[in-house]
Amino acid sequence: MPRLHHYLPNQAFLVLLLFSSIASAAIVEHVLHVNDVVVKPLCKEQIIPAGNGSLPGPTINVREGDTLVVNVINNSTYNVTIHWHGVFQLKSTWMDGANMITQCPIQPSNNFTYQFDITGQEGTLLWHAHVVNLRATLHGALVIRPRSGRPYPFPKPYKEVPIIFQQWWDTDVRLLQLRPAPVSDAYLINGLAGDSYPCSKNRMFNLKVVQGKTYLLRIINAALNTHLFFKIANHNVTVVAADAVYTTPYLTDVMILTPGQTVDVLLTADQPIGKYYMATVPYISAIGIPTPDIKPTRGLIVYEGATSSSSPVKPLMPATTDIATAHTFSSNITSLVGGPHWKPVPRHVDEKMFITMGLGLDPCPSGTKCIGPLGQRYAGSLNNRTFMIPQTISMQEAYFYNITGVYTEDFPDQPPLKFDYAKFQQRTNSDMKMMFPERKTSVKTIRFNSTVEIVLQNTAILSPESHPMHLHGFNFYVLGYGFGNYDPVRDARKLNLFNPQMHNTVGVPPGGWVVLRFVANNPGVWLFHCHMDAHLPYGIMNAFIVQNGPTPETSLPSPPSNLPQCTHDPTIYDSRTTNTDLSY
């Protein structure tokens, strides 16, 4: 159903041109029922919140230019929001679904309708819950195809297949925040654990293929806390998109995806007829932390004509600590110059930020035993700020209505203190103070349409590990990666300003750095956070407020009349309560 516009009679020629561009645009409507359902991926039945009764939830298919309308009906026992991970939300900032940032949650027995245009994006994204740990089970694929009549910038595949990676716990997912590092009981591929796990021998994702045909695999890492390697035995794939941005075709036999990332690859069934395992294993980048005995999670590629007695070929998987393989894949992706929606890198930078990040420590509350090093509790921070999520009103409502006391506009462009680990080991009072972050809800305000460059430096105060940083409302150019401390002279010469990859989520190398650049052309309040949910209670996040532009079209619109209202929600992941009460 095309959207209708009104034009003057003397604009007939323009009408014809414009109609040709919107003729394929449609209003795509879905109803997403959030229910508590019983599933049994392993040996134990578990009640989980799920979308339309399935794990993963339904795949939502749209075309670029469409308007997506999703009525979320919350029949679960949880407060819920739905985040459309990677969608720009141009002129629809209220629909971002970030809990307590752009909206209050949808309470049980209530509903809320998300409505927004899909503009300037093609490829694979995902939708997921954005409250506590609910996205562990409440998620699904969001597939954006080109407008009708526009081809892909690669050969048309025979079939398209969403492949979603998940983490599974045999426990109530809300209780995961009671553990500082919740080790999952299994990993899943499209909701199935495969034959490596007990009670799952005959429950494995099977992809049936025809020899000689090419398939587009839309791969999503919906795992709550873990980067994952992915490989298919005896097959190479060609990467053609990442985070819904087309890439220069890149041939590889192994991929890595951080939580929240997506990769589109072409798989040609060019091997002898038989069965071939696809497999994932976690990438454990935290150096010095013991790694448990981890089983690969497996699915099957089954060629048409393969006999039931055929033994599947197993892939040789990378070691779970293979930093070199992870870095090789992540750093070799480039954008498709001249491809659909491609834009050159802006050269002039208006705002420069240097943000240190990672896990540190905070004083243990009096009378409480804490499990962190030196008897302290863990605290995450960006530039020595531990972010505290508001609990009474969303940040965007506070911004729009000019309500004071909810946040401060003083997030620093540089880290206020330089940490010295050798001095910290001496445990003097002054050195301990340097270690402890300031706990507050602070934001960075950015002028509309300014170009922002951020150097993210992984400080590795406690242990080096990769943090997947996700920016709501924007894609960013990833100009470069590296290890060690970023050198503004030496490393700046190596940055890719011609065809850098673009992402909405990027893994900052363990003990390393990454340089990002984006244009702040989307007014509103946008969350920037680590996409490992275990790190959200620690406060590894902040928010950007992009100011209004000069016209109504470039300004934050009024909130919808049916925006959910806030009540106190004790399940909000907030370092103000979680770290204190649970003694991290």
Protein backbone atom coordinates (compact mmCIF):
# COMPACT_ATOMS: atom_id res chain seq x y z
CA MET A 1 0.00 0.00 0.00
CA PRO A 2 1.80 3.15 -1.15
CA ARG A 3 1.69 6.28 0.95
CA LEU A 4 -0.27 9.17 -0.59
CA HIS A 5 0.95 12.73 -1.16
CA HIS A 6 -0.74 15.88 -2.51
CA TYR A 7 0.83 17.90 -5.35
CA LEU A 8 -0.01 20.99 -7.39
CA PRO A 9 -1.23 20.42 -10.99
CA ASN A 10 1.86 21.99 -12.55
CA GLN A 11 4.03 19.40 -10.79
CA ALA A 12 2.81 16.51 -12.92
CA PHE A 13 6.29 15.56 -14.10
CA LEU A 14 7.66 15.59 -10.57
CA VAL A 15 4.70 13.52 -9.45
CA LEU A 16 5.62 10.85 -11.99
CA LEU A 17 9.20 10.73 -10.80
CA LEU A 18 8.29 10.67 -7.13
CA PHE A 19 5.59 8.07 -7.62
CA SER A 20 8.07 5.74 -9.29
CA SER A 21 10.26 5.94 -6.17
CA ILE A 22 7.43 5.31 -3.69
CA ALA A 23 5.32 2.89 -5.71
CA SER A 24 7.02 -0.06 -4.08
CA ALA A 25 6.84 1.41 -0.57
CA ALA A 26 4.30 -0.30 1.66
CA ILE A 27 2.93 -0.22 5.17
CA VAL A 28 4.02 -3.53 6.68
CA GLU A 29 2.02 -4.48 9.76
CA HIS A 30 2.81 -7.10 12.39
CA VAL A 31 1.43 -8.08 15.77
CA LEU A 32 4.05 -9.28 18.24
CA HIS A 33 2.58 -11.19 21.16
CA VAL A 34 5.00 -11.40 24.08
CA ASN A 35 4.06 -14.46 26.12
CA ASP A 36 5.61 -16.70 28.72
CA VAL A 37 6.08 -20.04 26.96
CA VAL A 38 7.58 -23.39 27.90
CA VAL A 39 10.61 -24.57 25.90
CA LYS A 40 13.11 -27.39 26.37
CA PRO A 41 16.34 -26.93 24.36
CA LEU A 42 18.21 -29.23 26.76
CA CYS A 43 16.92 -31.63 29.42
CA LYS A 44 14.91 -29.19 31.51
CA GLU A 45 11.71 -27.32 30.70
CA GLN A 46 12.01 -23.59 31.20
CA ILE A 47 9.46 -20.77 31.07
CA ILE A 48 10.73 -17.89 28.94
CA PRO A 49 9.36 -14.68 27.43
CA ALA A 50 9.12 -15.19 23.67
CA GLY A 51 7.73 -13.46 20.61
CA ASN A 52 4.68 -15.17 19.10
CA GLY A 53 5.47 -18.34 21.02
CA SER A 54 8.76 -19.21 19.35
CA LEU A 55 12.51 -19.12 20.00
CA PRO A 56 13.81 -17.21 18.12
CA GLY A 57 10.84 -14.95 17.48
CA PRO A 58 9.33 -14.25 14.06
CA THR A 59 11.41 -12.86 11.21
CA ILE A 60 10.11 -9.46 10.11
CA ASN A 61 10.55 -8.83 6.38
CA VAL A 62 10.41 -5.34 4.88
CA ARG A 63 11.83 -3.44 1.92
CA GLU A 64 13.84 -0.25 2.03
CA GLY A 65 11.36 2.64 1.99
CA ASP A 66 8.58 0.72 3.77
CA THR A 67 6.80 1.87 6.91
CA LEU A 68 6.91 -0.81 9.61
CA VAL A 69 4.08 -0.96 12.14
CA VAL A 70 4.41 -3.48 14.98
CA ASN A 71 1.80 -3.70 17.74
CA VAL A 72 3.53 -5.25 20.76
CA ILE A 73 1.03 -6.90 23.11
CA ASN A 74 2.66 -7.76 26.41
CA ASN A 75 0.95 -10.83 27.87
CA SER A 76 4.09 -11.88 29.75
CA THR A 77 4.87 -11.37 33.42
CA TYR A 78 7.73 -8.98 32.56
CA ASN A 79 8.05 -5.31 31.75
CA VAL A 80 9.14 -5.13 28.09
CA THR A 81 10.46 -2.77 25.44
CA ILE A 82 11.47 -3.74 21.91
CA HIS A 83 14.60 -2.21 20.37
CA TRP A 84 15.02 -2.24 16.58
CA HIS A 85 18.74 -2.82 16.68
CA GLY A 86 20.53 -0.85 13.96
CA VAL A 87 17.49 0.99 12.59
CA PHE A 88 18.26 4.71 12.22
CA GLN A 89 14.81 5.84 13.42
CA LEU A 90 15.05 9.05 11.40
CA LYS A 91 12.24 11.35 12.61
CA SER A 92 10.97 8.49 14.82
CA THR A 93 13.35 8.64 17.80
CA TRP A 94 10.58 7.71 20.23
CA MET A 95 10.37 4.29 18.54
CA ASP A 96 13.93 3.22 19.40
CA GLY A 97 12.74 1.08 22.31
CA ALA A 98 15.64 1.71 24.70
CA ASN A 99 14.27 1.19 28.19
CA MET A 100 14.34 4.39 30.29
CA ILE A 101 16.27 6.17 27.53
CA THR A 102 13.57 6.77 24.89
CA GLN A 103 10.60 5.18 26.63
CA CYS A 104 9.29 3.59 29.80
CA PRO A 105 8.59 -0.13 29.54
CA ILE A 106 5.39 -1.75 28.34
CA GLN A 107 3.90 -3.24 31.49
CA PRO A 108 2.19 -6.65 31.62
CA SER A 109 -1.31 -6.69 30.10
CA ASN A 110 -0.51 -3.52 28.13
CA ASN A 111 0.49 -2.82 24.54
CA PHE A 112 2.34 -0.24 22.47
CA THR A 113 2.57 0.23 18.71
CA TYR A 114 5.95 0.98 17.15
CA GLN A 115 5.78 2.76 13.78
CA PHE A 116 8.74 3.98 11.73
CA ASP A 117 10.09 4.24 8.20
CA ILE A 118 12.97 2.07 6.97
CA THR A 119 15.12 4.62 5.17
CA GLY A 120 18.54 4.21 3.53
CA GLN A 121 19.25 0.72 4.86
CA GLU A 122 19.38 -2.75 3.31
CA GLY A 123 20.50 -6.04 4.80
CA THR A 124 20.05 -7.93 8.05
CA LEU A 125 19.34 -6.41 11.46
CA LEU A 126 17.53 -7.73 14.52
CA TRP A 127 14.88 -6.78 17.02
CA HIS A 128 15.20 -7.62 20.70
CA ALA A 129 13.96 -6.77 24.17
CA HIS A 130 15.84 -3.99 25.96
CA VAL A 131 14.95 -4.70 29.60
CA VAL A 132 17.23 -6.61 31.97
CA ASN A 133 18.30 -9.87 30.27
CA LEU A 134 15.09 -10.52 28.34
CA ARG A 135 16.78 -10.27 24.95
CA ALA A 136 18.31 -13.69 25.71
CA THR A 137 15.02 -15.20 24.49
CA LEU A 138 12.96 -12.30 23.16
CA HIS A 139 14.51 -11.51 19.77
CA GLY A 140 14.26 -12.18 16.04
CA ALA A 141 15.56 -11.21 12.61
CA LEU A 142 14.71 -7.97 10.82
CA VAL A 143 15.38 -8.43 7.09
CA ILE A 144 15.47 -5.33 4.88
CA ARG A 145 15.48 -6.09 1.15
CA PRO A 146 15.98 -3.53 -1.63
CA ARG A 147 13.00 -1.72 -3.07
CA SER A 148 11.05 -3.71 -5.63
CA GLY A 149 12.90 -3.77 -8.93
CA ARG A 150 16.30 -2.94 -7.41
CA PRO A 151 18.76 -5.84 -7.46
CA TYR A 152 21.27 -6.82 -4.83
CA PRO A 153 24.84 -5.66 -5.58
CA PHE A 154 25.80 -9.34 -5.87
CA PRO A 155 24.39 -12.32 -7.81
CA LYS A 156 20.86 -13.19 -6.78
CA PRO A 157 20.93 -16.16 -4.38
CA TYR A 158 18.87 -19.31 -4.83
CA LYS A 159 17.46 -18.95 -1.29
CA GLU A 160 17.86 -16.73 1.78
CA VAL A 161 18.21 -18.25 5.25
CA PRO A 162 18.29 -16.45 8.62
CA ILE A 163 20.71 -18.07 11.08
CA ILE A 164 20.48 -16.78 14.65
CA PHE A 165 22.96 -17.61 17.42
CA GLN A 166 21.75 -17.61 21.02
CA GLN A 167 22.89 -18.31 24.56
CA TRP A 168 20.84 -20.54 26.81
CA TRP A 169 20.56 -20.85 30.58
CA ASP A 170 18.49 -23.43 32.46
CA THR A 171 17.22 -20.70 34.77
CA ASP A 172 14.96 -17.66 34.86
CA VAL A 173 16.79 -15.12 32.67
CA ARG A 174 15.98 -12.31 35.12
CA LEU A 175 18.16 -14.05 37.72
CA LEU A 176 21.26 -13.79 35.52
CA GLN A 177 22.01 -10.36 36.91
CA LEU A 178 22.55 -12.05 40.27
CA ARG A 179 25.80 -13.47 38.87
CA PRO A 180 28.77 -11.31 37.88
CA ALA A 181 29.78 -13.61 35.00
CA PRO A 182 26.91 -15.95 34.12
CA VAL A 183 28.28 -18.99 32.27
CA SER A 184 25.61 -20.30 29.93
CA ASP A 185 24.49 -23.91 29.84
CA ALA A 186 24.51 -24.04 26.03
CA TYR A 187 24.58 -22.07 22.81
CA LEU A 188 21.85 -22.46 20.20
CA ILE A 189 21.51 -22.12 16.43
CA ASN A 190 17.97 -21.08 15.48
CA GLY A 191 16.76 -22.24 18.89
CA LEU A 192 18.38 -25.68 18.74
CA ALA A 193 21.44 -26.88 20.69
CA GLY A 194 22.48 -29.70 18.35
CA ASP A 195 24.13 -33.03 18.99
CA SER A 196 26.93 -31.81 21.28
CA TYR A 197 24.55 -31.43 24.21
CA PRO A 198 22.55 -33.96 26.26
CA CYS A 199 18.84 -34.35 25.43
CA SER A 200 19.44 -32.56 22.13
CA LYS A 201 20.88 -35.29 19.88
CA ASN A 202 17.99 -35.25 17.43
CA ARG A 203 17.24 -31.53 17.67
CA MET A 204 19.60 -29.69 15.38
CA PHE A 205 19.15 -26.99 12.78
CA ASN A 206 19.31 -28.51 9.29
CA LEU A 207 19.84 -26.51 6.13
CA LYS A 208 19.08 -28.57 3.03
CA VAL A 209 20.99 -27.41 -0.05
CA VAL A 210 21.19 -28.30 -3.73
CA GLN A 211 24.65 -28.87 -5.11
CA GLY A 212 25.78 -25.94 -7.23
CA LYS A 213 23.27 -23.45 -5.79
CA THR A 214 24.21 -20.31 -3.85
CA TYR A 215 22.50 -19.32 -0.61
CA LEU A 216 22.42 -15.99 1.24
CA LEU A 217 22.92 -16.69 4.94
CA ARG A 218 21.70 -13.85 7.13
CA ILE A 219 23.70 -14.46 10.29
CA ILE A 220 22.81 -12.78 13.61
CA ASN A 221 24.60 -13.04 16.93
CA ALA A 222 21.77 -12.65 19.45
CA ALA A 223 23.86 -14.12 22.28
CA LEU A 224 23.56 -12.15 25.47
CA ASN A 225 27.24 -11.88 26.39
CA THR A 226 29.49 -13.79 24.01
CA HIS A 227 31.38 -13.17 20.78
CA LEU A 228 31.11 -16.25 18.57
CA PHE A 229 33.27 -17.82 15.88
CA PHE A 230 31.27 -19.46 13.08
CA LYS A 231 32.48 -21.93 10.49
CA ILE A 232 31.08 -24.43 7.96
CA ALA A 233 33.13 -27.59 7.34
CA ASN A 234 34.99 -27.57 3.99
CA HIS A 235 33.20 -24.44 2.75
CA ASN A 236 34.27 -20.87 2.19
CA VAL A 237 31.76 -18.04 2.24
CA THR A 238 31.78 -14.54 0.75
CA VAL A 239 30.89 -11.71 3.10
CA VAL A 240 28.64 -9.20 1.26
CA ALA A 241 27.20 -7.14 4.13
CA ALA A 242 27.70 -6.42 7.83
CA ASP A 243 25.22 -4.64 10.10
CA ALA A 244 23.01 -3.95 7.06
CA VAL A 245 25.76 -2.19 5.10
CA TYR A 246 27.10 -3.72 1.88
CA THR A 247 30.76 -4.69 1.93
CA THR A 248 33.46 -5.33 -0.62
CA PRO A 249 33.11 -9.10 -1.22
CA TYR A 250 35.43 -10.85 1.24
CA LEU A 251 36.22 -14.58 0.97
CA THR A 252 36.76 -16.39 4.27
CA ASP A 253 36.30 -19.75 5.95
CA VAL A 254 35.66 -18.34 9.44
CA MET A 255 33.67 -15.44 10.84
CA ILE A 256 33.38 -13.76 14.20
CA LEU A 257 30.35 -11.82 15.39
CA THR A 258 30.08 -9.78 18.56
CA PRO A 259 26.74 -9.76 20.41
CA GLY A 260 24.38 -7.67 18.29
CA GLN A 261 26.34 -7.88 15.05
CA THR A 262 25.03 -9.30 11.79
CA VAL A 263 26.89 -10.64 8.75
CA ASP A 264 25.40 -11.55 5.35
CA VAL A 265 27.37 -14.18 3.44
CA LEU A 266 27.00 -16.10 0.18
CA LEU A 267 27.44 -19.84 0.55
CA THR A 268 27.83 -21.91 -2.62
CA ALA A 269 27.13 -25.63 -2.23
CA ASP A 270 30.27 -26.59 -4.18
CA GLN A 271 31.41 -29.67 -2.25
CA PRO A 272 30.71 -33.38 -2.84
CA ILE A 273 27.21 -34.49 -1.87
CA GLY A 274 27.15 -35.24 1.84
CA LYS A 275 26.60 -33.68 5.26
CA TYR A 276 28.70 -30.89 6.72
CA TYR A 277 28.55 -29.43 10.19
CA MET A 278 28.19 -25.70 10.75
CA ALA A 279 29.45 -24.77 14.20
CA THR A 280 29.95 -21.96 16.65
CA VAL A 281 32.38 -21.65 19.55
CA PRO A 282 32.75 -18.71 21.91
CA TYR A 283 35.59 -16.25 21.54
CA ILE A 284 36.95 -15.70 25.06
CA SER A 285 39.06 -12.58 24.80
CA ALA A 286 39.51 -12.00 28.54
CA ILE A 287 43.21 -12.76 28.91
CA GLY A 288 44.18 -14.55 32.08
CA ILE A 289 40.68 -15.76 32.93
CA PRO A 290 40.32 -19.58 32.95
CA THR A 291 38.23 -20.85 30.04
CA PRO A 292 35.78 -23.68 30.70
CA ASP A 293 35.56 -26.78 28.54
CA ILE A 294 33.24 -25.50 25.82
CA LYS A 295 31.43 -27.74 23.37
CA PRO A 296 30.81 -26.49 19.84
CA THR A 297 27.19 -25.83 18.97
CA ARG A 298 26.39 -27.54 15.69
CA GLY A 299 23.90 -27.45 12.87
CA LEU A 300 23.97 -29.33 9.58
CA ILE A 301 24.36 -28.52 5.91
CA VAL A 302 22.67 -31.46 4.17
CA TYR A 303 23.12 -31.81 0.40
CA GLU A 304 20.20 -33.08 -1.63
CA GLY A 305 20.95 -36.73 -2.33
CA ALA A 306 23.00 -37.33 0.84
CA THR A 307 22.29 -40.68 2.45
CA SER A 308 20.98 -40.90 6.01
CA SER A 309 24.04 -42.95 6.97
CA SER A 310 26.50 -40.27 5.85
CA SER A 311 28.77 -39.08 8.66
CA PRO A 312 28.92 -35.26 8.80
CA VAL A 313 32.27 -33.61 8.16
CA LYS A 314 33.47 -31.58 11.15
CA PRO A 315 35.07 -28.13 10.82
CA LEU A 316 38.37 -27.36 12.51
CA MET A 317 37.37 -24.53 14.84
CA PRO A 318 39.63 -21.72 16.09
CA ALA A 319 40.76 -21.86 19.68
CA THR A 320 38.42 -19.92 21.95
CA THR A 321 41.28 -17.51 22.72
CA ASP A 322 42.39 -17.01 19.09
CA ILE A 323 42.74 -13.23 19.12
CA ALA A 324 44.68 -13.19 15.83
CA THR A 325 41.89 -14.91 13.87
CA ALA A 326 39.27 -12.64 15.40
CA HIS A 327 41.27 -9.53 14.57
CA THR A 328 42.01 -10.68 11.00
CA PHE A 329 38.33 -11.07 10.19
CA SER A 330 37.20 -7.91 11.97
CA SER A 331 39.86 -5.66 10.47
CA ASN A 332 39.64 -6.88 6.86
CA ILE A 333 36.04 -5.91 6.10
CA THR A 334 35.65 -2.80 3.90
CA SER A 335 32.57 -1.01 2.59
CA LEU A 336 31.35 -1.34 -1.01
CA VAL A 337 32.36 1.95 -2.61
CA GLY A 338 29.54 3.28 -4.77
CA GLY A 339 27.12 0.65 -3.51
CA PRO A 340 23.55 1.38 -2.42
CA HIS A 341 23.41 4.05 0.31
CA TRP A 342 27.21 4.43 0.36
CA LYS A 343 28.54 7.82 1.41
CA PRO A 344 32.17 8.96 1.52
CA VAL A 345 33.84 9.51 4.87
CA PRO A 346 33.45 13.12 6.08
CA ARG A 347 36.94 14.61 6.36
CA HIS A 348 36.23 17.60 8.60
CA VAL A 349 35.71 16.65 12.26
CA ASP A 350 33.79 18.97 14.61
CA GLU A 351 33.93 16.96 17.84
CA LYS A 352 36.83 14.76 18.95
CA MET A 353 36.47 12.42 21.90
CA PHE A 354 38.89 9.99 23.52
CA ILE A 355 36.96 7.48 25.65
CA THR A 356 38.63 4.98 27.93
CA MET A 357 36.50 1.98 28.75
CA GLY A 358 36.49 -1.27 30.66
CA LEU A 359 35.86 -2.91 34.00
CA GLY A 360 37.29 -1.37 37.14
CA LEU A 361 36.49 -1.43 40.84
CA ASP A 362 34.35 0.48 43.28
CA PRO A 363 34.39 0.54 47.10
CA CYS A 364 32.49 -2.32 48.69
CA PRO A 365 29.49 -1.08 50.68
CA SER A 366 30.04 -1.12 54.42
CA GLY A 367 29.09 -4.42 56.00
CA THR A 368 28.94 -6.23 52.65
CA LYS A 369 31.29 -8.87 51.31
CA CYS A 370 32.23 -8.20 47.69
CA ILE A 371 33.75 -10.68 45.25
CA GLY A 372 35.94 -8.34 43.20
CA PRO A 373 39.74 -8.04 43.50
CA LEU A 374 41.06 -6.49 46.71
CA GLY A 375 37.68 -7.00 48.32
CA GLN A 376 36.08 -4.38 46.07
CA ARG A 377 33.08 -4.66 43.75
CA TYR A 378 33.23 -4.49 39.96
CA ALA A 379 32.29 -1.25 38.22
CA GLY A 380 32.36 -0.50 34.52
CA SER A 381 32.97 2.94 33.16
CA LEU A 382 33.48 5.18 30.15
CA ASN A 383 35.92 8.01 30.90
CA ASN A 384 35.67 7.10 34.59
CA ARG A 385 31.88 7.53 34.60
CA THR A 386 29.63 4.67 35.67
CA PHE A 387 26.26 5.29 34.01
CA MET A 388 23.12 5.15 36.17
CA ILE A 389 19.87 4.51 34.31
CA PRO A 390 16.98 6.75 35.43
CA GLN A 391 14.15 4.98 37.24
CA THR A 392 11.25 7.43 37.21
CA ILE A 393 11.15 8.95 33.71
CA SER A 394 12.87 8.28 30.40
CA MET A 395 15.79 10.51 29.48
CA GLN A 396 14.19 11.60 26.24
CA GLU A 397 11.02 12.72 28.00
CA ALA A 398 13.16 14.67 30.47
CA TYR A 399 15.01 16.26 27.54
CA PHE A 400 11.88 17.06 25.52
CA TYR A 401 9.97 18.55 28.46
CA ASN A 402 13.06 20.21 29.97
CA ILE A 403 12.77 18.33 33.26
CA THR A 404 15.86 18.89 35.39
CA GLY A 405 17.56 16.50 37.79
CA VAL A 406 17.37 13.41 35.57
CA TYR A 407 20.81 13.72 33.94
CA THR A 408 23.76 16.08 33.68
CA GLU A 409 25.31 17.34 30.43
CA ASP A 410 28.91 16.95 31.52
CA PHE A 411 30.21 13.71 30.03
CA PRO A 412 33.92 14.45 29.45
CA ASP A 413 35.60 14.38 26.03
CA GLN A 414 38.74 12.95 27.66
CA PRO A 415 39.33 10.66 30.65
CA PRO A 416 39.74 12.84 33.74
CA LEU A 417 42.41 10.62 35.29
CA LYS A 418 45.21 8.43 34.02
CA PHE A 419 45.27 5.12 35.85
CA ASP A 420 48.62 3.75 36.99
CA TYR A 421 48.36 0.04 37.74
CA ALA A 422 51.73 -0.15 39.51
CA LYS A 423 50.65 2.55 41.95
CA PHE A 424 47.24 0.95 42.32
CA GLN A 425 48.90 -2.23 43.61
CA GLN A 426 50.28 -0.19 46.50
CA ARG A 427 46.70 0.62 47.49
CA THR A 428 47.27 4.15 48.76
CA ASN A 429 44.11 6.15 49.33
CA SER A 430 44.85 8.60 46.52
CA ASP A 431 45.57 5.82 44.05
CA MET A 432 42.39 3.96 45.02
CA LYS A 433 40.42 7.15 44.38
CA MET A 434 41.90 7.28 40.88
CA MET A 435 40.52 3.79 40.29
CA PHE A 436 36.94 4.38 41.45
CA PRO A 437 34.61 5.82 38.78
CA GLU A 438 32.04 8.53 39.41
CA ARG A 439 28.50 7.18 39.40
CA LYS A 440 26.03 9.45 37.61
CA THR A 441 23.75 9.83 34.58
CA SER A 442 25.86 12.09 32.41
CA VAL A 443 25.43 12.76 28.68
CA LYS A 444 27.37 14.36 25.85
CA THR A 445 25.43 17.03 23.93
CA ILE A 446 26.23 17.32 20.21
CA ARG A 447 25.28 20.04 17.77
CA PHE A 448 23.02 18.87 14.93
CA ASN A 449 24.84 17.72 11.77
CA SER A 450 28.28 17.89 13.35
CA THR A 451 30.85 15.18 12.61
CA VAL A 452 32.02 13.27 15.68
CA GLU A 453 35.20 11.20 15.96
CA ILE A 454 35.66 8.85 18.91
CA VAL A 455 38.79 6.94 19.86
CA LEU A 456 37.70 4.06 22.10
CA GLN A 457 40.59 2.85 24.25
CA ASN A 458 40.17 -0.47 26.05
CA THR A 459 42.02 0.12 29.31
CA ALA A 460 42.17 -3.49 30.52
CA ILE A 461 42.52 -2.38 34.14
CA LEU A 462 41.41 -5.76 35.46
CA SER A 463 41.59 -8.01 32.41
CA PRO A 464 41.76 -7.33 28.67
CA GLU A 465 38.62 -8.37 26.83
CA SER A 466 36.75 -7.21 23.76
CA HIS A 467 33.75 -4.98 24.43
CA PRO A 468 31.08 -4.74 21.67
CA MET A 469 30.02 -1.09 21.69
CA HIS A 470 26.62 -0.34 20.13
CA LEU A 471 25.41 3.13 19.12
CA HIS A 472 21.66 3.61 18.78
CA GLY A 473 20.33 5.71 15.91
CA PHE A 474 23.44 5.73 13.71
CA ASN A 475 25.95 3.77 11.71
CA PHE A 476 29.55 4.80 12.22
CA TYR A 477 32.65 4.49 10.06
CA VAL A 478 35.23 2.20 11.65
CA LEU A 479 38.44 3.90 10.55
CA GLY A 480 40.87 1.52 12.23
CA TYR A 481 41.64 -1.07 14.90
CA GLY A 482 44.78 -1.73 16.90
CA PHE A 483 46.31 -3.16 20.06
CA GLY A 484 47.97 -1.36 22.93
CA ASN A 485 47.56 2.37 23.51
CA TYR A 486 46.35 4.50 20.61
CA ASP A 487 49.07 6.80 19.26
CA PRO A 488 47.48 9.94 17.75
CA VAL A 489 50.43 10.42 15.40
CA ARG A 490 51.55 6.94 14.39
CA ASP A 491 48.12 5.25 14.35
CA ALA A 492 46.30 8.17 12.75
CA ARG A 493 48.38 7.64 9.60
CA LYS A 494 46.95 4.11 9.27
CA LEU A 495 43.27 5.06 9.36
CA ASN A 496 41.13 4.09 6.37
CA LEU A 497 39.38 7.17 5.03
CA PHE A 498 38.53 5.65 1.64
CA ASN A 499 36.35 2.57 2.18
CA PRO A 500 36.15 1.82 5.90
CA GLN A 501 33.62 -0.68 7.15
CA MET A 502 30.44 0.66 8.73
CA HIS A 503 28.72 -0.74 11.78
CA ASN A 504 26.26 -0.01 14.52
CA THR A 505 28.12 -2.41 16.85
CA VAL A 506 31.89 -2.85 16.98
CA GLY A 507 34.18 -4.98 19.12
CA VAL A 508 36.95 -2.96 20.75
CA PRO A 509 40.00 -5.28 20.73
CA PRO A 510 41.18 -6.61 24.10
CA GLY A 511 43.74 -4.17 25.41
CA GLY A 512 43.37 -2.18 22.17
CA TRP A 513 41.54 0.61 20.42
CA VAL A 514 39.16 1.48 17.62
CA VAL A 515 38.46 4.81 15.89
CA LEU A 516 34.87 5.70 14.95
CA ARG A 517 33.36 8.60 13.04
CA PHE A 518 29.71 9.52 12.46
CA VAL A 519 27.54 12.47 11.44
CA ALA A 520 25.09 13.54 14.15
CA ASN A 521 22.14 14.19 11.82
CA ASN A 522 19.48 12.47 13.93
CA PRO A 523 18.08 14.60 16.81
CA GLY A 524 17.21 12.94 20.10
CA VAL A 525 18.71 10.94 22.96
CA TRP A 526 20.78 7.97 21.82
CA LEU A 527 22.31 5.27 23.99
CA PHE A 528 25.93 4.16 23.49
CA HIS A 529 26.71 1.02 25.44
CA CYS A 530 28.48 -2.31 25.69
CA HIS A 531 26.22 -4.95 24.13
CA MET A 532 27.22 -7.61 26.65
CA ASP A 533 24.26 -7.59 29.01
CA ALA A 534 26.43 -8.81 31.89
CA HIS A 535 28.23 -5.47 31.68
CA LEU A 536 25.13 -3.26 31.74
CA PRO A 537 24.68 -3.44 35.53
CA TYR A 538 28.29 -2.28 35.76
CA GLY A 539 27.44 0.89 33.86
CA ILE A 540 29.54 0.62 30.65
CA MET A 541 27.35 3.08 28.77
CA ASN A 542 26.54 6.71 28.22
CA ALA A 543 24.15 8.71 26.05
CA PHE A 544 24.45 11.33 23.33
CA ILE A 545 21.91 14.13 22.98
CA VAL A 546 21.84 15.36 19.39
CA GLN A 547 20.33 18.83 19.35
CA ASN A 548 17.58 19.94 16.99
CA GLY A 549 18.37 21.20 13.52
CA PRO A 550 17.07 24.45 12.01
CA THR A 551 13.72 23.12 10.71
CA PRO A 552 10.78 21.07 12.02
CA GLU A 553 11.94 18.21 9.77
CA THR A 554 15.30 18.18 11.55
CA SER A 555 13.89 18.47 15.08
CA LEU A 556 12.78 15.92 17.66
CA PRO A 557 9.02 15.41 17.17
CA SER A 558 6.52 15.31 20.00
CA PRO A 559 6.13 11.95 21.74
CA PRO A 560 3.24 9.70 20.67
CA SER A 561 0.13 10.05 22.82
CA ASN A 562 0.21 6.38 23.79
CA LEU A 563 3.85 6.31 24.96
CA PRO A 564 4.04 3.96 27.99
CA GLN A 565 4.16 5.68 31.36
CA CYS A 566 6.69 4.88 34.04
CA THR A 567 6.16 3.09 37.30
CA HIS A 568 9.02 2.02 39.53
CA ASP A 569 10.55 -1.10 38.02
CA PRO A 570 12.88 -3.03 40.36
CA THR A 571 14.16 -5.11 37.43
CA ILE A 572 15.79 -2.16 35.66
CA TYR A 573 19.47 -2.96 35.28
CA ASP A 574 21.02 -0.09 37.18
CA SER A 575 24.38 0.02 38.86
CA ARG A 576 22.78 2.20 41.53
CA THR A 577 20.88 -0.82 42.90
CA THR A 578 22.45 -3.89 41.33
CA ASN A 579 26.04 -3.40 42.40
CA THR A 580 25.06 -2.36 45.92
CA ASP A 581 22.40 -4.92 46.71
CA LEU A 582 24.03 -7.84 44.90
CA SER A 583 27.58 -7.08 46.01
CA TYR A 584 29.38 -7.30 42.70
